[in-house]
Each structure stands twice: as structure tokens, then as C-alpha cells.
Amino acid sequence: MRKVGLTGGIASGKSTVSGMFTDLGVPVIDADVIAREVVAPGSRALGAIVDAFGEEILTDDKSLNRARLAEIVFSDPPRKKILEGILHPEIIAEQDRRLRDLEREGGTPVAIVDAAVMIESGSWKRFDSLVVVDCDESQQICRLRRRNGMNEEEAMKRVNAQMPLSEKVKYADHVIDNRGSIDDTRKQVEELMKLLSGK
């Protein structure tokens, strides 16, 4: 089974591309879903986050207030590193467990792990191929403003808190150019899937 890492920047269209792979029948392991699971109330990761950031990052029902935590870490890079140090090992371990399960089950030539900070964390090295979804920074900002209701300054802060896409593409084995139409992107995904699965 070929293990493929899929990454991109915030609002680059990575989730859209991930969904296209899912539509083609490819198993996709979503790091965002795992990230929510590993911080469930009572989890080791949530306890470590509370120790590092205080009870202010909890909601009334003692679950993680993701919006409050995002406010803190996106404006304070050293604290963002602390959070990543807590979450990344937990998320990577769960991704690897799910990949092993897929491999054991057999029947799929390709499995994809979708994670935004795969390059920054160094976890991209675990994969047979790395796919980066690319677009212009202005598109990222526009999408964030539209999707999340952010003002331009907030959107720029989120985009600038991550490695630039122009840097990420240097690590890529394959690039999906998401500057054009959804149909253009879908065609690229379909062609890449043929290549990855050896068809």
C-alpha cells in the first residue's frame, strides 16, 4: 500500500482535494478529525493543554474551547510550538495506527493522510509521496474571510502563522494547483490518482 501525505496551507483547498480523493474511493485519514478526538474530555492531551494554557481554554462542560485556544496560539508563536509539542505525537501515533489497520485489511493500493502542518512537524518523511495543494496567498485570505467571517488582518495573521505555500511546494513530489476552477482541480486529482495507484 502506497502511503501518501496530503498537505497545504490554511484555506488552500486541501480539504476539497481530500474530499475528491475520498470520492475516488481512497481511504483518507484526516488529522483534524484525529486532533479533535485526542483532546476529548478526560484525555491525556487535554490535560497537558490545560496544564500549559490554563483552564481558560475550557468550555463550561470542560471540553476544549478551540476558538479560544486558536486566538492564543496564532498570536504567540512560542505558545503555538508548545501546543504542537503536545498534539503532534498523539496525532501521528493515531495516524500510524490507522495506516497499519488499512495495510492489514488490504484491498487498497493507496491511503492518504491529510494534515496541514505535516512539513513543519517533520512527519512528511514517513510517506512514500507528498502532495501539496497550492494556491495564491490572496486566495487563502479571501477564502478565510468568506468561510470564517474573519477580517483581512485576522485572515493574514492565520495565513502568516504557517509555512508559506511557496516553501511547502519545495518538499512536494506532486503539486495540485488549486488556483483555477473546481473542475480543473478535480482533473488534476484524477490524473494524480492514476499515477499513485499505477494505473
N, C-alpha and C. Protein backbone atom coordinates (compact mmCIF):
# COMPACT_ATOMS: atom_id res chain seq x y z
N MET A 1 0.85 -1.19 0.00
CA MET A 1 0.00 0.00 0.00
C MET A 1 0.88 1.24 0.00
N ARG A 2 0.59 2.14 -0.91
CA ARG A 2 1.34 3.39 -1.00
C ARG A 2 0.76 4.39 0.01
N LYS A 3 1.63 4.93 0.86
CA LYS A 3 1.21 5.90 1.88
C LYS A 3 1.54 7.30 1.38
N VAL A 4 0.51 8.12 1.28
CA VAL A 4 0.64 9.45 0.69
C VAL A 4 0.27 10.51 1.72
N GLY A 5 1.14 11.50 1.86
CA GLY A 5 0.84 12.65 2.70
C GLY A 5 0.21 13.73 1.84
N LEU A 6 -0.85 14.35 2.34
CA LEU A 6 -1.53 15.45 1.64
C LEU A 6 -1.50 16.66 2.56
N THR A 7 -0.94 17.76 2.07
CA THR A 7 -0.85 18.96 2.90
C THR A 7 -1.06 20.20 2.04
N GLY A 8 -1.11 21.32 2.72
CA GLY A 8 -1.30 22.62 2.08
C GLY A 8 -1.42 23.64 3.19
N GLY A 9 -1.73 24.85 2.85
CA GLY A 9 -1.91 25.87 3.87
C GLY A 9 -3.37 26.01 4.26
N ILE A 10 -3.61 26.83 5.24
CA ILE A 10 -4.98 27.13 5.65
C ILE A 10 -5.71 27.75 4.45
N ALA A 11 -6.91 27.25 4.18
CA ALA A 11 -7.76 27.75 3.09
C ALA A 11 -7.11 27.63 1.70
N SER A 12 -6.24 26.62 1.55
CA SER A 12 -5.63 26.37 0.23
C SER A 12 -6.49 25.46 -0.63
N GLY A 13 -7.47 24.80 -0.02
CA GLY A 13 -8.30 23.84 -0.74
C GLY A 13 -7.93 22.40 -0.44
N LYS A 14 -7.12 22.19 0.59
CA LYS A 14 -6.68 20.85 0.96
C LYS A 14 -7.86 19.94 1.29
N SER A 15 -8.83 20.45 2.03
CA SER A 15 -10.00 19.64 2.39
C SER A 15 -10.83 19.29 1.15
N THR A 16 -10.92 20.21 0.22
CA THR A 16 -11.63 19.95 -1.03
C THR A 16 -10.94 18.83 -1.80
N VAL A 17 -9.62 18.91 -1.90
CA VAL A 17 -8.85 17.87 -2.59
C VAL A 17 -8.97 16.54 -1.85
N SER A 18 -8.92 16.58 -0.54
CA SER A 18 -9.09 15.38 0.27
C SER A 18 -10.44 14.72 -0.04
N GLY A 19 -11.49 15.53 -0.12
CA GLY A 19 -12.81 15.02 -0.46
C GLY A 19 -12.86 14.40 -1.84
N MET A 20 -12.11 14.96 -2.77
CA MET A 20 -12.05 14.40 -4.13
C MET A 20 -11.40 13.02 -4.12
N PHE A 21 -10.35 12.87 -3.32
CA PHE A 21 -9.73 11.54 -3.19
C PHE A 21 -10.71 10.56 -2.56
N THR A 22 -11.44 11.01 -1.55
CA THR A 22 -12.45 10.15 -0.92
C THR A 22 -13.49 9.72 -1.95
N ASP A 23 -13.94 10.66 -2.79
CA ASP A 23 -14.92 10.34 -3.84
C ASP A 23 -14.40 9.28 -4.80
N LEU A 24 -13.07 9.21 -4.96
CA LEU A 24 -12.46 8.21 -5.83
C LEU A 24 -12.24 6.87 -5.12
N GLY A 25 -12.68 6.80 -3.86
CA GLY A 25 -12.58 5.55 -3.11
C GLY A 25 -11.30 5.37 -2.33
N VAL A 26 -10.51 6.43 -2.21
CA VAL A 26 -9.25 6.35 -1.48
C VAL A 26 -9.51 6.58 0.01
N PRO A 27 -9.01 5.71 0.89
CA PRO A 27 -9.15 5.99 2.32
C PRO A 27 -8.31 7.22 2.69
N VAL A 28 -8.94 8.18 3.37
CA VAL A 28 -8.26 9.40 3.80
C VAL A 28 -8.34 9.49 5.32
N ILE A 29 -7.19 9.62 5.94
CA ILE A 29 -7.10 9.80 7.39
C ILE A 29 -6.89 11.29 7.63
N ASP A 30 -7.86 11.92 8.28
CA ASP A 30 -7.88 13.37 8.46
C ASP A 30 -7.30 13.75 9.82
N ALA A 31 -6.18 14.46 9.81
CA ALA A 31 -5.52 14.85 11.06
C ALA A 31 -6.40 15.77 11.90
N ASP A 32 -7.25 16.58 11.26
CA ASP A 32 -8.14 17.47 12.03
C ASP A 32 -9.15 16.66 12.84
N VAL A 33 -9.67 15.60 12.25
CA VAL A 33 -10.60 14.73 12.97
C VAL A 33 -9.89 14.07 14.15
N ILE A 34 -8.69 13.55 13.89
CA ILE A 34 -7.91 12.92 14.97
C ILE A 34 -7.58 13.94 16.05
N ALA A 35 -7.24 15.16 15.64
CA ALA A 35 -6.90 16.21 16.62
C ALA A 35 -8.07 16.47 17.57
N ARG A 36 -9.29 16.42 17.05
CA ARG A 36 -10.46 16.60 17.92
C ARG A 36 -10.63 15.40 18.85
N GLU A 37 -10.36 14.21 18.34
CA GLU A 37 -10.52 13.00 19.16
C GLU A 37 -9.51 12.96 20.30
N VAL A 38 -8.26 13.34 20.03
CA VAL A 38 -7.22 13.20 21.07
C VAL A 38 -7.34 14.23 22.18
N VAL A 39 -8.19 15.26 22.00
CA VAL A 39 -8.40 16.25 23.06
C VAL A 39 -9.79 16.11 23.69
N ALA A 40 -10.37 14.93 23.58
CA ALA A 40 -11.67 14.70 24.21
C ALA A 40 -11.56 14.90 25.72
N PRO A 41 -12.65 15.31 26.37
CA PRO A 41 -12.60 15.46 27.83
C PRO A 41 -12.05 14.21 28.51
N GLY A 42 -11.13 14.42 29.43
CA GLY A 42 -10.51 13.31 30.16
C GLY A 42 -9.27 12.75 29.49
N SER A 43 -8.95 13.21 28.28
CA SER A 43 -7.79 12.67 27.56
C SER A 43 -6.48 13.22 28.13
N ARG A 44 -5.42 12.47 27.89
CA ARG A 44 -4.09 12.89 28.32
C ARG A 44 -3.69 14.21 27.65
N ALA A 45 -3.98 14.33 26.35
CA ALA A 45 -3.61 15.55 25.63
C ALA A 45 -4.33 16.77 26.18
N LEU A 46 -5.63 16.64 26.47
CA LEU A 46 -6.36 17.79 27.00
C LEU A 46 -5.80 18.19 28.36
N GLY A 47 -5.46 17.22 29.19
CA GLY A 47 -4.84 17.54 30.49
C GLY A 47 -3.55 18.31 30.32
N ALA A 48 -2.73 17.90 29.36
CA ALA A 48 -1.45 18.59 29.12
C ALA A 48 -1.69 20.01 28.59
N ILE A 49 -2.72 20.18 27.76
CA ILE A 49 -3.04 21.52 27.23
C ILE A 49 -3.51 22.43 28.36
N VAL A 50 -4.35 21.92 29.24
CA VAL A 50 -4.81 22.73 30.38
C VAL A 50 -3.63 23.10 31.27
N ASP A 51 -2.72 22.15 31.50
CA ASP A 51 -1.52 22.46 32.30
C ASP A 51 -0.71 23.59 31.66
N ALA A 52 -0.61 23.59 30.34
CA ALA A 52 0.21 24.58 29.63
C ALA A 52 -0.49 25.92 29.45
N PHE A 53 -1.82 25.91 29.26
CA PHE A 53 -2.53 27.14 28.88
C PHE A 53 -3.55 27.62 29.91
N GLY A 54 -3.84 26.80 30.90
CA GLY A 54 -4.79 27.20 31.93
C GLY A 54 -6.22 26.81 31.60
N GLU A 55 -7.07 26.88 32.61
CA GLU A 55 -8.47 26.47 32.48
C GLU A 55 -9.27 27.38 31.55
N GLU A 56 -8.71 28.55 31.22
CA GLU A 56 -9.43 29.49 30.34
C GLU A 56 -9.68 28.91 28.95
N ILE A 57 -9.00 27.82 28.59
CA ILE A 57 -9.19 27.25 27.26
C ILE A 57 -10.25 26.13 27.28
N LEU A 58 -10.96 26.01 28.41
CA LEU A 58 -12.04 25.03 28.51
C LEU A 58 -13.40 25.71 28.41
N THR A 59 -14.36 24.99 27.88
CA THR A 59 -15.75 25.46 27.87
C THR A 59 -16.37 25.10 29.22
N ASP A 60 -17.62 25.49 29.41
CA ASP A 60 -18.32 25.19 30.67
C ASP A 60 -18.44 23.69 30.91
N ASP A 61 -18.53 22.90 29.83
CA ASP A 61 -18.65 21.45 30.01
C ASP A 61 -17.29 20.74 30.04
N LYS A 62 -16.22 21.53 30.19
CA LYS A 62 -14.84 21.01 30.34
C LYS A 62 -14.26 20.42 29.06
N SER A 63 -14.84 20.76 27.92
CA SER A 63 -14.22 20.37 26.66
C SER A 63 -13.36 21.54 26.17
N LEU A 64 -12.55 21.28 25.17
CA LEU A 64 -11.61 22.28 24.67
C LEU A 64 -12.35 23.38 23.92
N ASN A 65 -12.07 24.62 24.27
CA ASN A 65 -12.58 25.78 23.54
C ASN A 65 -11.58 26.07 22.43
N ARG A 66 -11.80 25.45 21.28
CA ARG A 66 -10.84 25.52 20.18
C ARG A 66 -10.65 26.95 19.67
N ALA A 67 -11.73 27.73 19.66
CA ALA A 67 -11.62 29.12 19.18
C ALA A 67 -10.73 29.93 20.12
N ARG A 68 -10.91 29.76 21.41
CA ARG A 68 -10.09 30.50 22.39
C ARG A 68 -8.63 30.08 22.28
N LEU A 69 -8.38 28.78 22.16
CA LEU A 69 -7.01 28.29 22.04
C LEU A 69 -6.37 28.81 20.75
N ALA A 70 -7.13 28.83 19.66
CA ALA A 70 -6.60 29.35 18.38
C ALA A 70 -6.22 30.82 18.51
N GLU A 71 -7.05 31.61 19.21
CA GLU A 71 -6.72 33.03 19.45
C GLU A 71 -5.37 33.17 20.12
N ILE A 72 -5.14 32.33 21.11
CA ILE A 72 -3.89 32.39 21.88
C ILE A 72 -2.70 32.00 21.02
N VAL A 73 -2.77 30.85 20.36
CA VAL A 73 -1.58 30.32 19.69
C VAL A 73 -1.27 31.02 18.37
N PHE A 74 -2.28 31.53 17.68
CA PHE A 74 -1.99 32.21 16.42
C PHE A 74 -1.40 33.59 16.63
N SER A 75 -1.46 34.10 17.85
CA SER A 75 -0.84 35.40 18.12
C SER A 75 0.44 35.26 18.95
N ASP A 76 0.85 34.03 19.24
CA ASP A 76 2.01 33.80 20.11
C ASP A 76 2.76 32.55 19.64
N PRO A 77 3.70 32.70 18.67
CA PRO A 77 4.39 31.54 18.10
C PRO A 77 5.03 30.59 19.12
N PRO A 78 5.67 31.07 20.20
CA PRO A 78 6.22 30.11 21.16
C PRO A 78 5.15 29.23 21.81
N ARG A 79 3.98 29.80 22.07
CA ARG A 79 2.90 29.00 22.66
C ARG A 79 2.31 28.03 21.63
N LYS A 80 2.35 28.43 20.37
CA LYS A 80 1.91 27.53 19.30
C LYS A 80 2.82 26.30 19.26
N LYS A 81 4.12 26.51 19.43
CA LYS A 81 5.08 25.39 19.47
C LYS A 81 4.78 24.45 20.64
N ILE A 82 4.42 25.03 21.79
CA ILE A 82 4.08 24.21 22.96
C ILE A 82 2.88 23.32 22.63
N LEU A 83 1.84 23.92 22.03
CA LEU A 83 0.65 23.15 21.67
C LEU A 83 1.00 22.04 20.68
N GLU A 84 1.79 22.37 19.68
CA GLU A 84 2.18 21.36 18.69
C GLU A 84 2.97 20.23 19.33
N GLY A 85 3.81 20.56 20.31
CA GLY A 85 4.58 19.53 21.01
C GLY A 85 3.70 18.57 21.79
N ILE A 86 2.54 19.04 22.21
CA ILE A 86 1.58 18.18 22.91
C ILE A 86 0.78 17.35 21.90
N LEU A 87 0.28 18.00 20.87
CA LEU A 87 -0.65 17.35 19.95
C LEU A 87 -0.01 16.44 18.91
N HIS A 88 1.08 16.91 18.29
CA HIS A 88 1.64 16.16 17.15
C HIS A 88 1.98 14.71 17.47
N PRO A 89 2.66 14.41 18.58
CA PRO A 89 2.96 12.99 18.84
C PRO A 89 1.69 12.13 18.96
N GLU A 90 0.66 12.67 19.59
CA GLU A 90 -0.61 11.93 19.75
C GLU A 90 -1.27 11.71 18.39
N ILE A 91 -1.30 12.75 17.58
CA ILE A 91 -1.96 12.67 16.27
C ILE A 91 -1.20 11.71 15.35
N ILE A 92 0.12 11.82 15.33
CA ILE A 92 0.94 10.96 14.46
C ILE A 92 0.80 9.49 14.86
N ALA A 93 0.80 9.22 16.16
CA ALA A 93 0.64 7.83 16.63
C ALA A 93 -0.69 7.25 16.16
N GLU A 94 -1.75 8.05 16.22
CA GLU A 94 -3.07 7.57 15.79
C GLU A 94 -3.12 7.41 14.26
N GLN A 95 -2.50 8.31 13.52
CA GLN A 95 -2.43 8.16 12.06
C GLN A 95 -1.74 6.85 11.71
N ASP A 96 -0.61 6.60 12.36
CA ASP A 96 0.16 5.38 12.07
C ASP A 96 -0.64 4.12 12.41
N ARG A 97 -1.40 4.17 13.51
CA ARG A 97 -2.23 3.02 13.88
C ARG A 97 -3.27 2.76 12.79
N ARG A 98 -3.89 3.82 12.29
CA ARG A 98 -4.92 3.66 11.25
C ARG A 98 -4.32 3.19 9.93
N LEU A 99 -3.12 3.66 9.60
CA LEU A 99 -2.44 3.18 8.39
C LEU A 99 -2.12 1.69 8.50
N ARG A 100 -1.65 1.27 9.67
CA ARG A 100 -1.36 -0.16 9.89
C ARG A 100 -2.63 -1.00 9.72
N ASP A 101 -3.75 -0.50 10.26
CA ASP A 101 -5.02 -1.21 10.13
C ASP A 101 -5.42 -1.35 8.66
N LEU A 102 -5.28 -0.26 7.89
CA LEU A 102 -5.62 -0.32 6.46
C LEU A 102 -4.72 -1.30 5.72
N GLU A 103 -3.45 -1.29 6.06
CA GLU A 103 -2.50 -2.19 5.40
C GLU A 103 -2.84 -3.65 5.73
N ARG A 104 -3.19 -3.89 6.97
CA ARG A 104 -3.54 -5.24 7.41
C ARG A 104 -4.81 -5.73 6.69
N GLU A 105 -5.78 -4.83 6.54
CA GLU A 105 -7.03 -5.18 5.87
C GLU A 105 -6.82 -5.46 4.38
N GLY A 106 -5.84 -4.78 3.78
CA GLY A 106 -5.55 -4.96 2.36
C GLY A 106 -6.65 -4.37 1.49
N GLY A 107 -6.49 -4.51 0.18
CA GLY A 107 -7.54 -4.08 -0.74
C GLY A 107 -7.45 -2.65 -1.22
N THR A 108 -6.53 -1.87 -0.69
CA THR A 108 -6.40 -0.50 -1.18
C THR A 108 -4.96 -0.24 -1.60
N PRO A 109 -4.76 0.21 -2.85
CA PRO A 109 -3.39 0.46 -3.30
C PRO A 109 -2.79 1.74 -2.72
N VAL A 110 -3.67 2.67 -2.29
CA VAL A 110 -3.22 3.98 -1.81
C VAL A 110 -4.03 4.37 -0.58
N ALA A 111 -3.35 4.93 0.41
CA ALA A 111 -4.03 5.55 1.56
C ALA A 111 -3.40 6.92 1.77
N ILE A 112 -4.25 7.88 2.14
CA ILE A 112 -3.80 9.26 2.27
C ILE A 112 -3.98 9.74 3.70
N VAL A 113 -2.97 10.47 4.19
CA VAL A 113 -3.08 11.19 5.45
C VAL A 113 -3.12 12.67 5.12
N ASP A 114 -4.18 13.33 5.54
CA ASP A 114 -4.43 14.75 5.29
C ASP A 114 -4.08 15.52 6.56
N ALA A 115 -3.02 16.36 6.49
CA ALA A 115 -2.58 17.12 7.67
C ALA A 115 -1.97 18.45 7.24
N ALA A 116 -2.39 19.52 7.88
CA ALA A 116 -1.96 20.87 7.50
C ALA A 116 -0.49 21.14 7.80
N VAL A 117 0.01 20.67 8.92
CA VAL A 117 1.38 21.02 9.33
C VAL A 117 2.33 19.82 9.24
N MET A 118 2.12 19.01 8.26
CA MET A 118 2.92 17.80 8.05
C MET A 118 4.40 18.13 7.81
N ILE A 119 4.68 19.15 7.04
CA ILE A 119 6.07 19.51 6.75
C ILE A 119 6.71 20.13 7.98
N GLU A 120 6.00 21.07 8.61
CA GLU A 120 6.53 21.75 9.78
C GLU A 120 6.87 20.78 10.91
N SER A 121 6.06 19.74 11.07
CA SER A 121 6.29 18.77 12.15
C SER A 121 7.34 17.73 11.78
N GLY A 122 7.73 17.67 10.50
CA GLY A 122 8.69 16.66 10.06
C GLY A 122 8.05 15.32 9.75
N SER A 123 6.74 15.20 9.96
CA SER A 123 6.08 13.90 9.79
C SER A 123 5.91 13.51 8.32
N TRP A 124 6.15 14.42 7.39
CA TRP A 124 6.03 14.13 5.96
C TRP A 124 7.02 13.05 5.52
N LYS A 125 8.10 12.89 6.26
CA LYS A 125 9.15 11.92 5.87
C LYS A 125 8.66 10.48 5.96
N ARG A 126 7.54 10.24 6.63
CA ARG A 126 7.00 8.88 6.81
C ARG A 126 6.29 8.36 5.57
N PHE A 127 6.08 9.21 4.58
CA PHE A 127 5.23 8.85 3.45
C PHE A 127 6.03 8.52 2.20
N ASP A 128 5.42 7.70 1.35
CA ASP A 128 6.04 7.34 0.07
C ASP A 128 6.01 8.51 -0.90
N SER A 129 4.98 9.34 -0.80
CA SER A 129 4.83 10.53 -1.66
C SER A 129 4.20 11.65 -0.84
N LEU A 130 4.55 12.88 -1.21
CA LEU A 130 3.95 14.05 -0.57
C LEU A 130 3.26 14.89 -1.64
N VAL A 131 1.98 15.19 -1.40
CA VAL A 131 1.17 16.03 -2.29
C VAL A 131 0.90 17.34 -1.57
N VAL A 132 1.18 18.46 -2.24
CA VAL A 132 0.90 19.78 -1.67
C VAL A 132 -0.15 20.46 -2.53
N VAL A 133 -1.19 20.98 -1.88
CA VAL A 133 -2.23 21.77 -2.55
C VAL A 133 -1.79 23.22 -2.51
N ASP A 134 -1.67 23.83 -3.68
CA ASP A 134 -1.12 25.18 -3.79
C ASP A 134 -2.18 26.15 -4.32
N CYS A 135 -2.08 27.39 -3.86
CA CYS A 135 -2.88 28.49 -4.41
C CYS A 135 -2.18 29.79 -4.04
N ASP A 136 -2.73 30.90 -4.45
CA ASP A 136 -2.15 32.20 -4.11
C ASP A 136 -2.55 32.61 -2.70
N GLU A 137 -1.66 33.36 -2.05
CA GLU A 137 -1.97 33.85 -0.70
C GLU A 137 -3.24 34.69 -0.69
N SER A 138 -3.44 35.48 -1.73
CA SER A 138 -4.66 36.31 -1.80
C SER A 138 -5.91 35.44 -1.82
N GLN A 139 -5.84 34.25 -2.45
CA GLN A 139 -6.97 33.33 -2.44
C GLN A 139 -7.20 32.77 -1.05
N GLN A 140 -6.11 32.44 -0.34
CA GLN A 140 -6.25 31.94 1.03
C GLN A 140 -6.97 32.97 1.90
N ILE A 141 -6.53 34.22 1.80
CA ILE A 141 -7.11 35.28 2.63
C ILE A 141 -8.59 35.48 2.28
N CYS A 142 -8.89 35.51 1.01
CA CYS A 142 -10.28 35.68 0.56
C CYS A 142 -11.16 34.53 1.06
N ARG A 143 -10.67 33.30 0.93
CA ARG A 143 -11.44 32.13 1.37
C ARG A 143 -11.65 32.16 2.88
N LEU A 144 -10.61 32.52 3.63
CA LEU A 144 -10.75 32.60 5.09
C LEU A 144 -11.77 33.64 5.49
N ARG A 145 -11.74 34.77 4.84
CA ARG A 145 -12.69 35.84 5.15
C ARG A 145 -14.11 35.38 4.87
N ARG A 146 -14.29 34.73 3.74
CA ARG A 146 -15.63 34.26 3.35
C ARG A 146 -16.08 33.09 4.23
N ARG A 147 -15.20 32.12 4.42
CA ARG A 147 -15.57 30.90 5.14
C ARG A 147 -15.70 31.12 6.64
N ASN A 148 -14.77 31.86 7.23
CA ASN A 148 -14.73 32.00 8.69
C ASN A 148 -15.20 33.36 9.18
N GLY A 149 -15.57 34.24 8.27
CA GLY A 149 -16.05 35.56 8.67
C GLY A 149 -14.98 36.43 9.32
N MET A 150 -13.73 36.21 8.95
CA MET A 150 -12.62 36.98 9.53
C MET A 150 -12.44 38.29 8.77
N ASN A 151 -11.88 39.28 9.46
CA ASN A 151 -11.48 40.48 8.73
C ASN A 151 -10.12 40.19 8.08
N GLU A 152 -9.67 41.10 7.24
CA GLU A 152 -8.44 40.86 6.48
C GLU A 152 -7.23 40.67 7.39
N GLU A 153 -7.14 41.45 8.45
CA GLU A 153 -6.00 41.35 9.37
C GLU A 153 -5.96 39.98 10.06
N GLU A 154 -7.11 39.50 10.53
CA GLU A 154 -7.17 38.18 11.17
C GLU A 154 -6.79 37.09 10.17
N ALA A 155 -7.32 37.19 8.97
CA ALA A 155 -7.03 36.19 7.94
C ALA A 155 -5.54 36.17 7.60
N MET A 156 -4.94 37.35 7.46
CA MET A 156 -3.50 37.42 7.16
C MET A 156 -2.68 36.83 8.31
N LYS A 157 -3.10 37.07 9.53
CA LYS A 157 -2.38 36.53 10.70
C LYS A 157 -2.40 35.00 10.68
N ARG A 158 -3.55 34.42 10.33
CA ARG A 158 -3.65 32.96 10.25
C ARG A 158 -2.77 32.40 9.14
N VAL A 159 -2.81 33.03 7.98
CA VAL A 159 -2.00 32.57 6.84
C VAL A 159 -0.52 32.70 7.18
N ASN A 160 -0.13 33.82 7.76
CA ASN A 160 1.28 34.07 8.07
C ASN A 160 1.80 33.23 9.23
N ALA A 161 0.90 32.62 10.01
CA ALA A 161 1.33 31.77 11.12
C ALA A 161 1.81 30.41 10.62
N GLN A 162 1.57 30.10 9.34
CA GLN A 162 2.00 28.82 8.77
C GLN A 162 3.13 29.04 7.77
N MET A 163 3.82 27.95 7.48
CA MET A 163 4.84 27.99 6.44
C MET A 163 4.18 28.41 5.12
N PRO A 164 4.80 29.33 4.37
CA PRO A 164 4.20 29.74 3.10
C PRO A 164 4.08 28.57 2.12
N LEU A 165 3.03 28.58 1.33
CA LEU A 165 2.85 27.53 0.34
C LEU A 165 4.01 27.47 -0.64
N SER A 166 4.60 28.63 -0.94
CA SER A 166 5.75 28.66 -1.86
C SER A 166 6.92 27.85 -1.30
N GLU A 167 6.99 27.74 0.01
CA GLU A 167 8.02 26.92 0.66
C GLU A 167 7.58 25.45 0.69
N LYS A 168 6.32 25.20 0.98
CA LYS A 168 5.82 23.82 1.07
C LYS A 168 5.98 23.07 -0.25
N VAL A 169 5.74 23.76 -1.38
CA VAL A 169 5.81 23.06 -2.67
C VAL A 169 7.22 22.54 -2.95
N LYS A 170 8.23 23.10 -2.31
CA LYS A 170 9.61 22.62 -2.50
C LYS A 170 9.79 21.20 -1.96
N TYR A 171 8.94 20.78 -1.04
CA TYR A 171 9.01 19.44 -0.46
C TYR A 171 8.18 18.43 -1.25
N ALA A 172 7.34 18.91 -2.14
CA ALA A 172 6.32 18.08 -2.78
C ALA A 172 6.89 17.14 -3.84
N ASP A 173 6.33 15.94 -3.87
CA ASP A 173 6.53 15.04 -5.00
C ASP A 173 5.51 15.38 -6.09
N HIS A 174 4.35 15.87 -5.66
CA HIS A 174 3.26 16.23 -6.57
C HIS A 174 2.59 17.49 -6.04
N VAL A 175 2.20 18.39 -6.95
CA VAL A 175 1.51 19.63 -6.56
C VAL A 175 0.16 19.66 -7.26
N ILE A 176 -0.89 19.92 -6.48
CA ILE A 176 -2.21 20.19 -7.03
C ILE A 176 -2.36 21.71 -7.05
N ASP A 177 -2.48 22.28 -8.24
CA ASP A 177 -2.63 23.73 -8.38
C ASP A 177 -4.12 24.07 -8.25
N ASN A 178 -4.47 24.70 -7.13
CA ASN A 178 -5.87 25.00 -6.84
C ASN A 178 -6.19 26.47 -7.08
N ARG A 179 -5.55 27.07 -8.08
CA ARG A 179 -5.82 28.47 -8.42
C ARG A 179 -7.02 28.60 -9.36
N GLY A 180 -7.35 27.53 -10.06
CA GLY A 180 -8.38 27.59 -11.09
C GLY A 180 -9.73 27.11 -10.59
N SER A 181 -10.50 26.54 -11.51
CA SER A 181 -11.86 26.09 -11.20
C SER A 181 -11.82 24.76 -10.44
N ILE A 182 -12.95 24.42 -9.85
CA ILE A 182 -13.08 23.15 -9.14
C ILE A 182 -12.90 21.99 -10.12
N ASP A 183 -13.35 22.16 -11.36
CA ASP A 183 -13.18 21.11 -12.37
C ASP A 183 -11.71 20.91 -12.72
N ASP A 184 -10.95 22.01 -12.80
CA ASP A 184 -9.51 21.91 -13.06
C ASP A 184 -8.84 21.12 -11.94
N THR A 185 -9.22 21.42 -10.71
CA THR A 185 -8.63 20.73 -9.56
C THR A 185 -8.99 19.25 -9.59
N ARG A 186 -10.25 18.95 -9.88
CA ARG A 186 -10.70 17.55 -9.93
C ARG A 186 -9.92 16.77 -10.98
N LYS A 187 -9.70 17.36 -12.14
CA LYS A 187 -8.94 16.67 -13.20
C LYS A 187 -7.53 16.35 -12.73
N GLN A 188 -6.90 17.28 -12.03
CA GLN A 188 -5.55 17.04 -11.50
C GLN A 188 -5.55 15.90 -10.50
N VAL A 189 -6.57 15.87 -9.63
CA VAL A 189 -6.67 14.80 -8.63
C VAL A 189 -6.87 13.45 -9.31
N GLU A 190 -7.72 13.40 -10.32
CA GLU A 190 -7.96 12.14 -11.03
C GLU A 190 -6.70 11.64 -11.72
N GLU A 191 -5.95 12.55 -12.35
CA GLU A 191 -4.70 12.17 -13.01
C GLU A 191 -3.67 11.70 -11.99
N LEU A 192 -3.58 12.40 -10.88
CA LEU A 192 -2.63 12.01 -9.84
C LEU A 192 -2.99 10.65 -9.26
N MET A 193 -4.27 10.39 -9.08
CA MET A 193 -4.70 9.10 -8.54
C MET A 193 -4.28 7.96 -9.46
N LYS A 194 -4.39 8.17 -10.77
CA LYS A 194 -3.94 7.14 -11.72
C LYS A 194 -2.45 6.88 -11.53
N LEU A 195 -1.70 7.94 -11.38
CA LEU A 195 -0.25 7.83 -11.21
C LEU A 195 0.10 7.12 -9.90
N LEU A 196 -0.55 7.52 -8.81
CA LEU A 196 -0.25 6.95 -7.50
C LEU A 196 -0.62 5.47 -7.41
N SER A 197 -1.70 5.10 -8.08
CA SER A 197 -2.14 3.70 -8.00
C SER A 197 -1.55 2.84 -9.10
N GLY A 198 -0.70 3.45 -9.96
CA GLY A 198 -0.02 2.68 -11.00
C GLY A 198 -0.92 2.28 -12.15
N LYS A 199 -1.98 3.04 -12.39
CA LYS A 199 -2.92 2.70 -13.48
C LYS A 199 -2.65 3.54 -14.70
